[in-house]
Protein backbone atom coordinates (compact mmCIF):
# COMPACT_ATOMS: atom_id res chain seq x y z
CA MET A 1 -11.91 -5.64 11.02
CA ASP A 2 -9.60 -4.26 8.45
CA PHE A 3 -11.96 -3.34 6.39
CA ARG A 4 -14.20 -1.69 8.66
CA VAL A 5 -10.26 0.43 9.17
CA LEU A 6 -10.56 1.05 5.46
CA CYS A 7 -13.88 2.19 4.85
CA THR A 8 -13.68 5.17 7.48
CA GLN A 9 -10.81 5.98 5.54
CA GLY A 10 -12.90 6.61 2.87
CA PHE A 11 -11.31 2.90 0.81
CA GLN A 12 -14.40 2.12 -2.33
CA ASN A 13 -14.14 -0.58 -4.09
CA ILE A 14 -11.52 -3.03 -0.88
CA GLN A 15 -10.98 -6.43 -1.48
CA TYR A 16 -8.72 -8.99 -0.11
CA LEU A 17 -5.13 -9.49 -1.99
CA SER A 18 -2.93 -11.75 0.12
CA SER A 19 -1.39 -11.44 3.41
CA GLY A 20 2.79 -11.76 4.30
CA SER A 21 4.80 -11.68 8.22
CA PHE A 22 3.92 -8.35 9.26
CA GLY A 23 0.30 -7.48 7.31
CA ARG A 24 -2.10 -7.90 4.73
CA VAL A 25 -2.32 -6.23 1.13
CA TYR A 26 -6.11 -4.91 -0.50
CA TYR A 27 -6.54 -3.49 -3.56
CA ALA A 28 -9.21 -0.84 -2.90
CA ARG A 29 -9.93 2.94 -4.49
CA ASN A 30 -8.62 6.51 -2.21
CA LYS A 31 -10.31 9.73 -1.89
CA VAL A 32 -10.16 10.32 -5.05
CA GLY A 33 -10.95 7.12 -6.52
CA GLN A 34 -7.01 5.86 -7.55
CA GLU A 35 -5.94 1.75 -7.75
CA VAL A 36 -4.09 1.55 -4.53
CA ALA A 37 -2.21 -1.17 -2.63
CA VAL A 38 -3.11 -0.66 0.76
CA LYS A 39 -1.18 -1.84 2.88
CA ILE A 40 -2.04 -1.96 6.28
CA ILE A 41 0.96 -3.17 9.37
CA PRO A 42 0.42 -4.19 12.69
CA GLN A 43 2.71 -0.32 14.30
CA LYS A 44 4.92 -2.94 16.71
CA HIS A 45 6.27 -4.82 13.65
CA PHE A 46 6.53 -0.99 11.99
CA SER A 47 9.93 1.14 11.46
CA SER A 48 10.08 4.63 11.53
CA GLY A 49 12.96 3.69 8.64
CA GLU A 50 9.68 2.34 5.92
CA HIS A 51 8.88 5.72 5.16
CA ASP A 52 11.88 7.39 4.55
CA ALA A 53 12.68 4.81 2.48
CA ALA A 54 8.97 5.09 1.28
CA THR A 55 9.71 9.30 1.00
CA VAL A 56 13.56 9.19 -0.52
CA LEU A 57 12.45 6.54 -3.02
CA ASP A 58 8.94 8.58 -4.52
CA HIS A 59 9.95 11.89 -4.65
CA TYR A 60 12.75 9.80 -6.88
CA GLY A 61 10.55 8.66 -8.90
CA CYS A 62 11.92 6.13 -10.99
CA ASP A 63 9.26 4.08 -13.51
CA TYR A 64 10.70 1.00 -12.30
CA ILE A 65 10.06 1.22 -8.20
CA ILE A 66 6.04 1.01 -7.51
CA LYS A 67 4.64 4.70 -6.58
CA PHE A 68 3.98 5.74 -2.64
CA VAL A 69 0.94 7.01 -2.18
CA ASP A 70 0.37 8.21 1.31
CA ILE A 71 0.86 7.08 4.14
CA CYS A 72 -1.26 7.30 8.20
CA GLN A 73 -1.49 5.64 11.28
CA VAL A 74 -5.35 5.01 11.95
CA ASP A 75 -5.81 3.37 16.08
CA ARG A 76 -2.60 0.58 16.57
CA ASP A 77 -1.90 -0.42 12.69
CA VAL A 78 0.06 1.97 10.04
CA ILE A 79 -1.79 2.98 6.58
CA ILE A 80 0.20 2.63 3.69
CA GLN A 81 -1.33 3.50 0.18
CA MET A 82 1.11 2.55 -2.69
CA GLU A 83 0.43 2.47 -7.03
CA TYR A 84 -1.70 -0.82 -7.76
CA ALA A 85 0.59 -2.24 -10.28
CA ASN A 86 -1.63 -5.69 -11.54
CA TYR A 87 1.19 -7.87 -13.60
CA LYS A 88 2.76 -10.98 -14.08
CA VAL A 89 6.62 -10.87 -14.35
CA GLN A 90 6.72 -12.82 -16.77
CA ASN A 91 5.36 -10.41 -19.68
CA TYR A 92 7.70 -7.94 -18.72
CA LEU A 93 11.31 -10.11 -18.97
CA LEU A 94 13.46 -10.10 -22.06
CA LEU A 95 14.09 -13.59 -22.15
């Protein structure tokens, strides 16, 4: 079902990455070709405070925080697009 929803929203090259207590995360290219991590959260688990926090963090543009790209609601799910960061933390820690 997620794959179909993402396709109808214009995402391409969709690949499942992970899932957690409140949603699933996919790698995809959005409508403008940008690599993004797409998180699908059931509406019942989504708080508007999460959207507000993402908007505030995006406004300040800190290099150490994953960038918020977009958010939309489709049926009973909220779809959040974030910067895709395929990094291993160990590579960036100073020892």
